[in-house]
Amino acid sequence: MNTIYSIVGLFSLGALLGMYLLAMVLQNKETPKFVTVLHGLFVATALVILIIYACNEGPDFIASIVLFVMAAAGGAVLVYRDITAKKIPKWLAVTHGLLAAAGFVILLLKVFVQ
């Protein structure tokens, strides 16, 4: 059970950094690349561990995984636009965050309200 708590912790750290990055995007400010990289590392690590965990524990986390993968696809587009100095679409940043938040809420419900 400690593994799932580590996954929740990593997603939590990623979410905090993601909210900071979203605030920067919505204010039309440049996003700090170090924060962007840390955000990506935390959530990518958490997602990989979650997928491995779900393979061993059963299909309870599929909905979360699907939402996180969709958010990751949007995140990849955001990172590409950021590193190529193209304008980051606010709608995409918000959608990315909402997908990730939905996946996180479902994950929390599965972990803490069983």
PDB file of N, CA and C in Angstrom:
ATOM      1  N   MET A   1       0.813  -1.198   0.000  1.00  0.00           N
ATOM      2  CA  MET A   1       0.000   0.000   0.000  1.00  0.00           C
ATOM      3  C   MET A   1       0.857   1.263   0.000  1.00  0.00           C
ATOM      4  N   ASN A   2       2.114   1.154   0.439  1.00  0.00           N
ATOM      5  CA  ASN A   2       2.986   2.322   0.442  1.00  0.00           C
ATOM      6  C   ASN A   2       3.236   2.844  -0.960  1.00  0.00           C
ATOM      7  N   THR A   3       3.233   1.963  -1.946  1.00  0.00           N
ATOM      8  CA  THR A   3       3.473   2.379  -3.328  1.00  0.00           C
ATOM      9  C   THR A   3       2.407   3.349  -3.789  1.00  0.00           C
ATOM     10  N   ILE A   4       1.153   3.060  -3.502  1.00  0.00           N
ATOM     11  CA  ILE A   4       0.077   3.930  -3.956  1.00  0.00           C
ATOM     12  C   ILE A   4       0.153   5.290  -3.266  1.00  0.00           C
ATOM     13  N   TYR A   5       0.599   5.310  -2.014  1.00  0.00           N
ATOM     14  CA  TYR A   5       0.764   6.596  -1.326  1.00  0.00           C
ATOM     15  C   TYR A   5       1.908   7.402  -1.941  1.00  0.00           C
ATOM     16  N   SER A   6       2.946   6.729  -2.372  1.00  0.00           N
ATOM     17  CA  SER A   6       4.045   7.413  -3.069  1.00  0.00           C
ATOM     18  C   SER A   6       3.559   7.997  -4.391  1.00  0.00           C
ATOM     19  N   ILE A   7       2.707   7.246  -5.090  1.00  0.00           N
ATOM     20  CA  ILE A   7       2.137   7.728  -6.348  1.00  0.00           C
ATOM     21  C   ILE A   7       1.309   8.978  -6.098  1.00  0.00           C
ATOM     22  N   VAL A   8       0.466   8.944  -5.081  1.00  0.00           N
ATOM     23  CA  VAL A   8      -0.361  10.109  -4.734  1.00  0.00           C
ATOM     24  C   VAL A   8       0.533  11.298  -4.378  1.00  0.00           C
ATOM     25  N   GLY A   9       1.590  11.039  -3.627  1.00  0.00           N
ATOM     26  CA  GLY A   9       2.511  12.118  -3.256  1.00  0.00           C
ATOM     27  C   GLY A   9       3.184  12.750  -4.463  1.00  0.00           C
ATOM     28  N   LEU A  10       3.645  11.927  -5.389  1.00  0.00           N
ATOM     29  CA  LEU A  10       4.290  12.455  -6.599  1.00  0.00           C
ATOM     30  C   LEU A  10       3.304  13.263  -7.443  1.00  0.00           C
ATOM     31  N   PHE A  11       2.074  12.736  -7.600  1.00  0.00           N
ATOM     32  CA  PHE A  11       1.065  13.495  -8.340  1.00  0.00           C
ATOM     33  C   PHE A  11       0.729  14.804  -7.617  1.00  0.00           C
ATOM     34  N   SER A  12       0.731  14.790  -6.289  1.00  0.00           N
ATOM     35  CA  SER A  12       0.441  16.005  -5.523  1.00  0.00           C
ATOM     36  C   SER A  12       1.507  17.075  -5.765  1.00  0.00           C
ATOM     37  N   LEU A  13       2.766  16.657  -5.705  1.00  0.00           N
ATOM     38  CA  LEU A  13       3.853  17.606  -5.985  1.00  0.00           C
ATOM     39  C   LEU A  13       3.754  18.140  -7.412  1.00  0.00           C
ATOM     40  N   GLY A  14       3.477  17.247  -8.350  1.00  0.00           N
ATOM     41  CA  GLY A  14       3.310  17.659  -9.736  1.00  0.00           C
ATOM     42  C   GLY A  14       2.154  18.618  -9.906  1.00  0.00           C
ATOM     43  N   ALA A  15       1.064  18.365  -9.182  1.00  0.00           N
ATOM     44  CA  ALA A  15      -0.109  19.240  -9.278  1.00  0.00           C
ATOM     45  C   ALA A  15       0.198  20.641  -8.756  1.00  0.00           C
ATOM     46  N   LEU A  16       0.919  20.721  -7.663  1.00  0.00           N
ATOM     47  CA  LEU A  16       1.284  22.042  -7.126  1.00  0.00           C
ATOM     48  C   LEU A  16       2.116  22.831  -8.128  1.00  0.00           C
ATOM     49  N   LEU A  17       3.099  22.170  -8.706  1.00  0.00           N
ATOM     50  CA  LEU A  17       3.921  22.840  -9.715  1.00  0.00           C
ATOM     51  C   LEU A  17       3.092  23.186 -10.952  1.00  0.00           C
ATOM     52  N   GLY A  18       2.170  22.300 -11.319  1.00  0.00           N
ATOM     53  CA  GLY A  18       1.312  22.540 -12.466  1.00  0.00           C
ATOM     54  C   GLY A  18       0.415  23.750 -12.263  1.00  0.00           C
ATOM     55  N   MET A  19      -0.103  23.921 -11.054  1.00  0.00           N
ATOM     56  CA  MET A  19      -0.940  25.096 -10.779  1.00  0.00           C
ATOM     57  C   MET A  19      -0.131  26.387 -10.891  1.00  0.00           C
ATOM     58  N   TYR A  20       1.111  26.330 -10.426  1.00  0.00           N
ATOM     59  CA  TYR A  20       1.995  27.494 -10.572  1.00  0.00           C
ATOM     60  C   TYR A  20       2.232  27.799 -12.051  1.00  0.00           C
ATOM     61  N   LEU A  21       2.516  26.770 -12.834  1.00  0.00           N
ATOM     62  CA  LEU A  21       2.755  26.966 -14.269  1.00  0.00           C
ATOM     63  C   LEU A  21       1.508  27.492 -14.971  1.00  0.00           C
ATOM     64  N   LEU A  22       0.345  26.965 -14.605  1.00  0.00           N
ATOM     65  CA  LEU A  22      -0.901  27.442 -15.211  1.00  0.00           C
ATOM     66  C   LEU A  22      -1.120  28.909 -14.892  1.00  0.00           C
ATOM     67  N   ALA A  23      -0.837  29.311 -13.662  1.00  0.00           N
ATOM     68  CA  ALA A  23      -0.971  30.721 -13.298  1.00  0.00           C
ATOM     69  C   ALA A  23      -0.061  31.593 -14.163  1.00  0.00           C
ATOM     70  N   MET A  24       1.146  31.118 -14.423  1.00  0.00           N
ATOM     71  CA  MET A  24       2.076  31.876 -15.271  1.00  0.00           C
ATOM     72  C   MET A  24       1.529  32.006 -16.693  1.00  0.00           C
ATOM     73  N   VAL A  25       0.991  30.910 -17.227  1.00  0.00           N
ATOM     74  CA  VAL A  25       0.443  30.924 -18.586  1.00  0.00           C
ATOM     75  C   VAL A  25      -0.742  31.879 -18.671  1.00  0.00           C
ATOM     76  N   LEU A  26      -1.631  31.808 -17.686  1.00  0.00           N
ATOM     77  CA  LEU A  26      -2.826  32.657 -17.711  1.00  0.00           C
ATOM     78  C   LEU A  26      -2.495  34.139 -17.555  1.00  0.00           C
ATOM     79  N   GLN A  27      -1.346  34.439 -16.957  1.00  0.00           N
ATOM     80  CA  GLN A  27      -0.890  35.828 -16.814  1.00  0.00           C
ATOM     81  C   GLN A  27       0.017  36.271 -17.964  1.00  0.00           C
ATOM     82  N   ASN A  28       0.149  35.409 -18.982  1.00  0.00           N
ATOM     83  CA  ASN A  28       1.003  35.683 -20.137  1.00  0.00           C
ATOM     84  C   ASN A  28       2.463  35.899 -19.749  1.00  0.00           C
ATOM     85  N   LYS A  29       2.913  35.209 -18.721  1.00  0.00           N
ATOM     86  CA  LYS A  29       4.299  35.287 -18.284  1.00  0.00           C
ATOM     87  C   LYS A  29       5.040  34.059 -18.781  1.00  0.00           C
ATOM     88  N   GLU A  30       6.343  34.197 -18.902  1.00  0.00           N
ATOM     89  CA  GLU A  30       7.167  33.064 -19.326  1.00  0.00           C
ATOM     90  C   GLU A  30       7.257  32.046 -18.196  1.00  0.00           C
ATOM     91  N   THR A  31       7.114  30.783 -18.556  1.00  0.00           N
ATOM     92  CA  THR A  31       7.190  29.731 -17.542  1.00  0.00           C
ATOM     93  C   THR A  31       8.649  29.365 -17.263  1.00  0.00           C
ATOM     94  N   PRO A  32       9.000  29.220 -15.984  1.00  0.00           N
ATOM     95  CA  PRO A  32      10.362  28.805 -15.653  1.00  0.00           C
ATOM     96  C   PRO A  32      10.603  27.369 -16.126  1.00  0.00           C
ATOM     97  N   LYS A  33      11.636  27.174 -16.915  1.00  0.00           N
ATOM     98  CA  LYS A  33      11.903  25.855 -17.502  1.00  0.00           C
ATOM     99  C   LYS A  33      12.217  24.801 -16.440  1.00  0.00           C
ATOM    100  N   PHE A  34      12.898  25.201 -15.382  1.00  0.00           N
ATOM    101  CA  PHE A  34      13.226  24.256 -14.316  1.00  0.00           C
ATOM    102  C   PHE A  34      11.952  23.717 -13.667  1.00  0.00           C
ATOM    103  N   VAL A  35      10.981  24.594 -13.433  1.00  0.00           N
ATOM    104  CA  VAL A  35       9.710  24.175 -12.843  1.00  0.00           C
ATOM    105  C   VAL A  35       8.960  23.267 -13.818  1.00  0.00           C
ATOM    106  N   THR A  36       9.001  23.601 -15.092  1.00  0.00           N
ATOM    107  CA  THR A  36       8.357  22.775 -16.110  1.00  0.00           C
ATOM    108  C   THR A  36       8.948  21.370 -16.123  1.00  0.00           C
ATOM    109  N   VAL A  37      10.256  21.278 -16.058  1.00  0.00           N
ATOM    110  CA  VAL A  37      10.924  19.974 -16.062  1.00  0.00           C
ATOM    111  C   VAL A  37      10.585  19.188 -14.799  1.00  0.00           C
ATOM    112  N   LEU A  38      10.613  19.850 -13.647  1.00  0.00           N
ATOM    113  CA  LEU A  38      10.273  19.161 -12.398  1.00  0.00           C
ATOM    114  C   LEU A  38       8.835  18.645 -12.421  1.00  0.00           C
ATOM    115  N   HIS A  39       7.912  19.486 -12.900  1.00  0.00           N
ATOM    116  CA  HIS A  39       6.512  19.089 -13.020  1.00  0.00           C
ATOM    117  C   HIS A  39       6.398  17.824 -13.869  1.00  0.00           C
ATOM    118  N   GLY A  40       7.042  17.837 -15.020  1.00  0.00           N
ATOM    119  CA  GLY A  40       6.996  16.691 -15.922  1.00  0.00           C
ATOM    120  C   GLY A  40       7.608  15.443 -15.311  1.00  0.00           C
ATOM    121  N   LEU A  41       8.726  15.601 -14.619  1.00  0.00           N
ATOM    122  CA  LEU A  41       9.378  14.446 -13.994  1.00  0.00           C
ATOM    123  C   LEU A  41       8.515  13.826 -12.900  1.00  0.00           C
ATOM    124  N   PHE A  42       7.926  14.673 -12.055  1.00  0.00           N
ATOM    125  CA  PHE A  42       7.077  14.153 -10.975  1.00  0.00           C
ATOM    126  C   PHE A  42       5.888  13.380 -11.524  1.00  0.00           C
ATOM    127  N   VAL A  43       5.174  13.993 -12.475  1.00  0.00           N
ATOM    128  CA  VAL A  43       3.944  13.338 -12.948  1.00  0.00           C
ATOM    129  C   VAL A  43       4.242  12.165 -13.872  1.00  0.00           C
ATOM    130  N   ALA A  44       5.293  12.245 -14.664  1.00  0.00           N
ATOM    131  CA  ALA A  44       5.640  11.109 -15.531  1.00  0.00           C
ATOM    132  C   ALA A  44       6.066   9.908 -14.694  1.00  0.00           C
ATOM    133  N   THR A  45       6.851  10.158 -13.665  1.00  0.00           N
ATOM    134  CA  THR A  45       7.269   9.082 -12.766  1.00  0.00           C
ATOM    135  C   THR A  45       6.050   8.463 -12.078  1.00  0.00           C
ATOM    136  N   ALA A  46       5.166   9.320 -11.584  1.00  0.00           N
ATOM    137  CA  ALA A  46       3.961   8.832 -10.912  1.00  0.00           C
ATOM    138  C   ALA A  46       3.098   8.011 -11.863  1.00  0.00           C
ATOM    139  N   LEU A  47       2.977   8.462 -13.104  1.00  0.00           N
ATOM    140  CA  LEU A  47       2.144   7.749 -14.078  1.00  0.00           C
ATOM    141  C   LEU A  47       2.725   6.376 -14.406  1.00  0.00           C
ATOM    142  N   VAL A  48       4.021   6.311 -14.612  1.00  0.00           N
ATOM    143  CA  VAL A  48       4.657   5.022 -14.916  1.00  0.00           C
ATOM    144  C   VAL A  48       4.486   4.059 -13.738  1.00  0.00           C
ATOM    145  N   ILE A  49       4.714   4.545 -12.537  1.00  0.00           N
ATOM    146  CA  ILE A  49       4.560   3.682 -11.359  1.00  0.00           C
ATOM    147  C   ILE A  49       3.095   3.261 -11.201  1.00  0.00           C
ATOM    148  N   LEU A  50       2.162   4.176 -11.477  1.00  0.00           N
ATOM    149  CA  LEU A  50       0.738   3.844 -11.390  1.00  0.00           C
ATOM    150  C   LEU A  50       0.363   2.752 -12.391  1.00  0.00           C
ATOM    151  N   ILE A  51       0.884   2.848 -13.603  1.00  0.00           N
ATOM    152  CA  ILE A  51       0.598   1.824 -14.614  1.00  0.00           C
ATOM    153  C   ILE A  51       1.141   0.467 -14.163  1.00  0.00           C
ATOM    154  N   ILE A  52       2.358   0.442 -13.659  1.00  0.00           N
ATOM    155  CA  ILE A  52       2.945  -0.807 -13.155  1.00  0.00           C
ATOM    156  C   ILE A  52       2.129  -1.338 -11.983  1.00  0.00           C
ATOM    157  N   TYR A  53       1.760  -0.454 -11.090  1.00  0.00           N
ATOM    158  CA  TYR A  53       0.957  -0.843  -9.923  1.00  0.00           C
ATOM    159  C   TYR A  53      -0.381  -1.438 -10.363  1.00  0.00           C
ATOM    160  N   ALA A  54      -1.033  -0.791 -11.332  1.00  0.00           N
ATOM    161  CA  ALA A  54      -2.331  -1.266 -11.820  1.00  0.00           C
ATOM    162  C   ALA A  54      -2.196  -2.625 -12.512  1.00  0.00           C
ATOM    163  N   CYS A  55      -1.097  -2.846 -13.198  1.00  0.00           N
ATOM    164  CA  CYS A  55      -0.874  -4.152 -13.846  1.00  0.00           C
ATOM    165  C   CYS A  55      -0.790  -5.274 -12.815  1.00  0.00           C
ATOM    166  N   ASN A  56      -0.264  -4.952 -11.648  1.00  0.00           N
ATOM    167  CA  ASN A  56      -0.114  -5.956 -10.591  1.00  0.00           C
ATOM    168  C   ASN A  56      -1.336  -6.073  -9.688  1.00  0.00           C
ATOM    169  N   GLU A  57      -2.073  -4.987  -9.517  1.00  0.00           N
ATOM    170  CA  GLU A  57      -3.163  -4.962  -8.533  1.00  0.00           C
ATOM    171  C   GLU A  57      -4.554  -5.094  -9.132  1.00  0.00           C
ATOM    172  N   GLY A  58      -4.704  -4.911 -10.428  1.00  0.00           N
ATOM    173  CA  GLY A  58      -6.025  -5.027 -11.042  1.00  0.00           C
ATOM    174  C   GLY A  58      -6.466  -3.737 -11.714  1.00  0.00           C
ATOM    175  N   PRO A  59      -7.647  -3.769 -12.320  1.00  0.00           N
ATOM    176  CA  PRO A  59      -8.085  -2.664 -13.190  1.00  0.00           C
ATOM    177  C   PRO A  59      -8.734  -1.475 -12.474  1.00  0.00           C
ATOM    178  N   ASP A  60      -8.617  -1.379 -11.169  1.00  0.00           N
ATOM    179  CA  ASP A  60      -9.283  -0.302 -10.434  1.00  0.00           C
ATOM    180  C   ASP A  60      -8.846   1.099 -10.861  1.00  0.00           C
ATOM    181  N   PHE A  61      -7.672   1.231 -11.403  1.00  0.00           N
ATOM    182  CA  PHE A  61      -7.106   2.549 -11.676  1.00  0.00           C
ATOM    183  C   PHE A  61      -7.133   2.924 -13.159  1.00  0.00           C
ATOM    184  N   ILE A  62      -7.859   2.176 -13.970  1.00  0.00           N
ATOM    185  CA  ILE A  62      -7.867   2.411 -15.421  1.00  0.00           C
ATOM    186  C   ILE A  62      -8.391   3.799 -15.778  1.00  0.00           C
ATOM    187  N   ALA A  63      -9.486   4.223 -15.151  1.00  0.00           N
ATOM    188  CA  ALA A  63     -10.057   5.540 -15.468  1.00  0.00           C
ATOM    189  C   ALA A  63      -9.047   6.642 -15.184  1.00  0.00           C
ATOM    190  N   SER A  64      -8.369   6.550 -14.061  1.00  0.00           N
ATOM    191  CA  SER A  64      -7.328   7.520 -13.713  1.00  0.00           C
ATOM    192  C   SER A  64      -6.212   7.522 -14.746  1.00  0.00           C
ATOM    193  N   ILE A  65      -5.769   6.333 -15.102  1.00  0.00           N
ATOM    194  CA  ILE A  65      -4.668   6.213 -16.060  1.00  0.00           C
ATOM    195  C   ILE A  65      -5.052   6.827 -17.396  1.00  0.00           C
ATOM    196  N   VAL A  66      -6.258   6.551 -17.872  1.00  0.00           N
ATOM    197  CA  VAL A  66      -6.705   7.103 -19.159  1.00  0.00           C
ATOM    198  C   VAL A  66      -6.699   8.628 -19.110  1.00  0.00           C
ATOM    199  N   LEU A  67      -7.229   9.209 -18.043  1.00  0.00           N
ATOM    200  CA  LEU A  67      -7.249  10.674 -17.936  1.00  0.00           C
ATOM    201  C   LEU A  67      -5.838  11.245 -17.838  1.00  0.00           C
ATOM    202  N   PHE A  68      -4.967  10.580 -17.076  1.00  0.00           N
ATOM    203  CA  PHE A  68      -3.588  11.058 -16.963  1.00  0.00           C
ATOM    204  C   PHE A  68      -2.846  10.964 -18.298  1.00  0.00           C
ATOM    205  N   VAL A  69      -3.101   9.911 -19.063  1.00  0.00           N
ATOM    206  CA  VAL A  69      -2.448   9.779 -20.370  1.00  0.00           C
ATOM    207  C   VAL A  69      -2.943  10.869 -21.321  1.00  0.00           C
ATOM    208  N   MET A  70      -4.242  11.162 -21.275  1.00  0.00           N
ATOM    209  CA  MET A  70      -4.765  12.257 -22.104  1.00  0.00           C
ATOM    210  C   MET A  70      -4.139  13.590 -21.690  1.00  0.00           C
ATOM    211  N   ALA A  71      -4.008  13.806 -20.384  1.00  0.00           N
ATOM    212  CA  ALA A  71      -3.363  15.028 -19.895  1.00  0.00           C
ATOM    213  C   ALA A  71      -1.898  15.077 -20.327  1.00  0.00           C
ATOM    214  N   ALA A  72      -1.234  13.924 -20.299  1.00  0.00           N
ATOM    215  CA  ALA A  72       0.176  13.869 -20.700  1.00  0.00           C
ATOM    216  C   ALA A  72       0.343  14.230 -22.173  1.00  0.00           C
ATOM    217  N   ALA A  73      -0.598  13.798 -22.999  1.00  0.00           N
ATOM    218  CA  ALA A  73      -0.525  14.155 -24.426  1.00  0.00           C
ATOM    219  C   ALA A  73      -0.616  15.668 -24.596  1.00  0.00           C
ATOM    220  N   GLY A  74      -1.545  16.278 -23.897  1.00  0.00           N
ATOM    221  CA  GLY A  74      -1.645  17.736 -23.939  1.00  0.00           C
ATOM    222  C   GLY A  74      -0.412  18.401 -23.359  1.00  0.00           C
ATOM    223  N   GLY A  75       0.128  17.814 -22.300  1.00  0.00           N
ATOM    224  CA  GLY A  75       1.342  18.352 -21.687  1.00  0.00           C
ATOM    225  C   GLY A  75       2.534  18.302 -22.629  1.00  0.00           C
ATOM    226  N   ALA A  76       2.615  17.249 -23.423  1.00  0.00           N
ATOM    227  CA  ALA A  76       3.710  17.145 -24.392  1.00  0.00           C
ATOM    228  C   ALA A  76       3.618  18.272 -25.429  1.00  0.00           C
ATOM    229  N   VAL A  77       2.410  18.570 -25.858  1.00  0.00           N
ATOM    230  CA  VAL A  77       2.216  19.680 -26.801  1.00  0.00           C
ATOM    231  C   VAL A  77       2.600  21.000 -26.140  1.00  0.00           C
ATOM    232  N   LEU A  78       2.202  21.170 -24.887  1.00  0.00           N
ATOM    233  CA  LEU A  78       2.536  22.411 -24.172  1.00  0.00           C
ATOM    234  C   LEU A  78       4.053  22.585 -24.030  1.00  0.00           C
ATOM    235  N   VAL A  79       4.740  21.514 -23.679  1.00  0.00           N
ATOM    236  CA  VAL A  79       6.201  21.585 -23.526  1.00  0.00           C
ATOM    237  C   VAL A  79       6.854  21.912 -24.864  1.00  0.00           C
ATOM    238  N   TYR A  80       6.392  21.258 -25.928  1.00  0.00           N
ATOM    239  CA  TYR A  80       6.957  21.527 -27.252  1.00  0.00           C
ATOM    240  C   TYR A  80       6.780  23.006 -27.616  1.00  0.00           C
ATOM    241  N   ARG A  81       5.591  23.526 -27.427  1.00  0.00           N
ATOM    242  CA  ARG A  81       5.344  24.935 -27.757  1.00  0.00           C
ATOM    243  C   ARG A  81       6.189  25.854 -26.877  1.00  0.00           C
ATOM    244  N   ASP A  82       6.374  25.461 -25.620  1.00  0.00           N
ATOM    245  CA  ASP A  82       7.157  26.278 -24.694  1.00  0.00           C
ATOM    246  C   ASP A  82       8.627  26.325 -25.104  1.00  0.00           C
ATOM    247  N   ILE A  83       9.215  25.165 -25.423  1.00  0.00           N
ATOM    248  CA  ILE A  83      10.646  25.156 -25.742  1.00  0.00           C
ATOM    249  C   ILE A  83      10.939  25.730 -27.129  1.00  0.00           C
ATOM    250  N   THR A  84       9.918  25.774 -27.999  1.00  0.00           N
ATOM    251  CA  THR A  84      10.111  26.384 -29.319  1.00  0.00           C
ATOM    252  C   THR A  84       9.671  27.843 -29.335  1.00  0.00           C
ATOM    253  N   ALA A  85       9.407  28.382 -28.144  1.00  0.00           N
ATOM    254  CA  ALA A  85       9.051  29.796 -27.958  1.00  0.00           C
ATOM    255  C   ALA A  85       7.780  30.194 -28.710  1.00  0.00           C
ATOM    256  N   LYS A  86       6.869  29.246 -28.865  1.00  0.00           N
ATOM    257  CA  LYS A  86       5.572  29.558 -29.461  1.00  0.00           C
ATOM    258  C   LYS A  86       4.591  29.873 -28.343  1.00  0.00           C
ATOM    259  N   LYS A  87       3.571  30.639 -28.677  1.00  0.00           N
ATOM    260  CA  LYS A  87       2.565  31.009 -27.685  1.00  0.00           C
ATOM    261  C   LYS A  87       1.832  29.752 -27.199  1.00  0.00           C
ATOM    262  N   ILE A  88       1.669  29.658 -25.898  1.00  0.00           N
ATOM    263  CA  ILE A  88       0.962  28.524 -25.307  1.00  0.00           C
ATOM    264  C   ILE A  88      -0.523  28.862 -25.268  1.00  0.00           C
ATOM    265  N   PRO A  89      -1.355  28.063 -25.934  1.00  0.00           N
ATOM    266  CA  PRO A  89      -2.795  28.326 -25.908  1.00  0.00           C
ATOM    267  C   PRO A  89      -3.363  28.136 -24.495  1.00  0.00           C
ATOM    268  N   LYS A  90      -4.037  29.152 -23.999  1.00  0.00           N
ATOM    269  CA  LYS A  90      -4.585  29.073 -22.647  1.00  0.00           C
ATOM    270  C   LYS A  90      -5.609  27.950 -22.535  1.00  0.00           C
ATOM    271  N   TRP A  91      -6.401  27.758 -23.582  1.00  0.00           N
ATOM    272  CA  TRP A  91      -7.420  26.716 -23.529  1.00  0.00           C
ATOM    273  C   TRP A  91      -6.779  25.333 -23.371  1.00  0.00           C
ATOM    274  N   LEU A  92      -5.625  25.137 -24.003  1.00  0.00           N
ATOM    275  CA  LEU A  92      -4.948  23.847 -23.902  1.00  0.00           C
ATOM    276  C   LEU A  92      -4.354  23.658 -22.505  1.00  0.00           C
ATOM    277  N   ALA A  93      -3.788  24.721 -21.949  1.00  0.00           N
ATOM    278  CA  ALA A  93      -3.227  24.637 -20.602  1.00  0.00           C
ATOM    279  C   ALA A  93      -4.329  24.336 -19.578  1.00  0.00           C
ATOM    280  N   VAL A  94      -5.478  24.977 -19.727  1.00  0.00           N
ATOM    281  CA  VAL A  94      -6.596  24.745 -18.809  1.00  0.00           C
ATOM    282  C   VAL A  94      -7.136  23.324 -18.991  1.00  0.00           C
ATOM    283  N   THR A  95      -7.307  22.885 -20.229  1.00  0.00           N
ATOM    284  CA  THR A  95      -7.804  21.532 -20.495  1.00  0.00           C
ATOM    285  C   THR A  95      -6.846  20.484 -19.937  1.00  0.00           C
ATOM    286  N   HIS A  96      -5.558  20.693 -20.136  1.00  0.00           N
ATOM    287  CA  HIS A  96      -4.528  19.801 -19.587  1.00  0.00           C
ATOM    288  C   HIS A  96      -4.693  19.686 -18.069  1.00  0.00           C
ATOM    289  N   GLY A  97      -4.838  20.821 -17.418  1.00  0.00           N
ATOM    290  CA  GLY A  97      -5.000  20.831 -15.964  1.00  0.00           C
ATOM    291  C   GLY A  97      -6.284  20.162 -15.507  1.00  0.00           C
ATOM    292  N   LEU A  98      -7.373  20.393 -16.230  1.00  0.00           N
ATOM    293  CA  LEU A  98      -8.653  19.795 -15.852  1.00  0.00           C
ATOM    294  C   LEU A  98      -8.637  18.274 -16.013  1.00  0.00           C
ATOM    295  N   LEU A  99      -8.032  17.799 -17.087  1.00  0.00           N
ATOM    296  CA  LEU A  99      -7.913  16.342 -17.277  1.00  0.00           C
ATOM    297  C   LEU A  99      -7.083  15.711 -16.157  1.00  0.00           C
ATOM    298  N   ALA A 100      -5.981  16.356 -15.845  1.00  0.00           N
ATOM    299  CA  ALA A 100      -5.116  15.839 -14.786  1.00  0.00           C
ATOM    300  C   ALA A 100      -5.827  15.888 -13.432  1.00  0.00           C
ATOM    301  N   ALA A 101      -6.549  16.976 -13.177  1.00  0.00           N
ATOM    302  CA  ALA A 101      -7.275  17.103 -11.911  1.00  0.00           C
ATOM    303  C   ALA A 101      -8.358  16.024 -11.803  1.00  0.00           C
ATOM    304  N   ALA A 102      -9.049  15.763 -12.891  1.00  0.00           N
ATOM    305  CA  ALA A 102     -10.077  14.719 -12.879  1.00  0.00           C
ATOM    306  C   ALA A 102      -9.449  13.356 -12.600  1.00  0.00           C
ATOM    307  N   GLY A 103      -8.326  13.073 -13.249  1.00  0.00           N
ATOM    308  CA  GLY A 103      -7.619  11.817 -12.995  1.00  0.00           C
ATOM    309  C   GLY A 103      -7.163  11.710 -11.553  1.00  0.00           C
ATOM    310  N   PHE A 104      -6.719  12.829 -10.997  1.00  0.00           N
ATOM    311  CA  PHE A 104      -6.235  12.848  -9.618  1.00  0.00           C
ATOM    312  C   PHE A 104      -7.381  12.621  -8.628  1.00  0.00           C
ATOM    313  N   VAL A 105      -8.518  13.254  -8.884  1.00  0.00           N
ATOM    314  CA  VAL A 105      -9.675  13.062  -7.997  1.00  0.00           C
ATOM    315  C   VAL A 105     -10.122  11.609  -8.025  1.00  0.00           C
ATOM    316  N   ILE A 106     -10.187  11.015  -9.205  1.00  0.00           N
ATOM    317  CA  ILE A 106     -10.581   9.606  -9.306  1.00  0.00           C
ATOM    318  C   ILE A 106      -9.566   8.713  -8.588  1.00  0.00           C
ATOM    319  N   LEU A 107      -8.284   9.033  -8.747  1.00  0.00           N
ATOM    320  CA  LEU A 107      -7.246   8.274  -8.047  1.00  0.00           C
ATOM    321  C   LEU A 107      -7.440   8.372  -6.532  1.00  0.00           C
ATOM    322  N   LEU A 108      -7.663   9.583  -6.038  1.00  0.00           N
ATOM    323  CA  LEU A 108      -7.860   9.772  -4.597  1.00  0.00           C
ATOM    324  C   LEU A 108      -9.088   9.014  -4.103  1.00  0.00           C
ATOM    325  N   LEU A 109     -10.160   9.033  -4.878  1.00  0.00           N
ATOM    326  CA  LEU A 109     -11.356   8.296  -4.475  1.00  0.00           C
ATOM    327  C   LEU A 109     -11.087   6.797  -4.403  1.00  0.00           C
ATOM    328  N   LYS A 110     -10.336   6.271  -5.371  1.00  0.00           N
ATOM    329  CA  LYS A 110     -10.007   4.836  -5.361  1.00  0.00           C
ATOM    330  C   LYS A 110      -9.101   4.463  -4.192  1.00  0.00           C
ATOM    331  N   VAL A 111      -8.198   5.370  -3.845  1.00  0.00           N
ATOM    332  CA  VAL A 111      -7.224   5.064  -2.794  1.00  0.00           C
ATOM    333  C   VAL A 111      -7.847   5.226  -1.397  1.00  0.00           C
ATOM    334  N   PHE A 112      -8.594   6.304  -1.193  1.00  0.00           N
ATOM    335  CA  PHE A 112      -9.046   6.636   0.156  1.00  0.00           C
ATOM    336  C   PHE A 112     -10.511   6.327   0.442  1.00  0.00           C
ATOM    337  N   VAL A 113     -11.317   6.051  -0.587  1.00  0.00           N
ATOM    338  CA  VAL A 113     -12.743   5.759  -0.372  1.00  0.00           C
ATOM    339  C   VAL A 113     -13.067   4.420  -1.008  1.00  0.00           C
ATOM    340  N   GLN A 114     -12.520   3.382  -0.477  1.00  0.00           N
ATOM    341  CA  GLN A 114     -12.742   2.053  -1.068  1.00  0.00           C
ATOM    342  C   GLN A 114     -13.887   1.349  -0.415  1.00  0.00           C
TER     343      GLN A 114
END
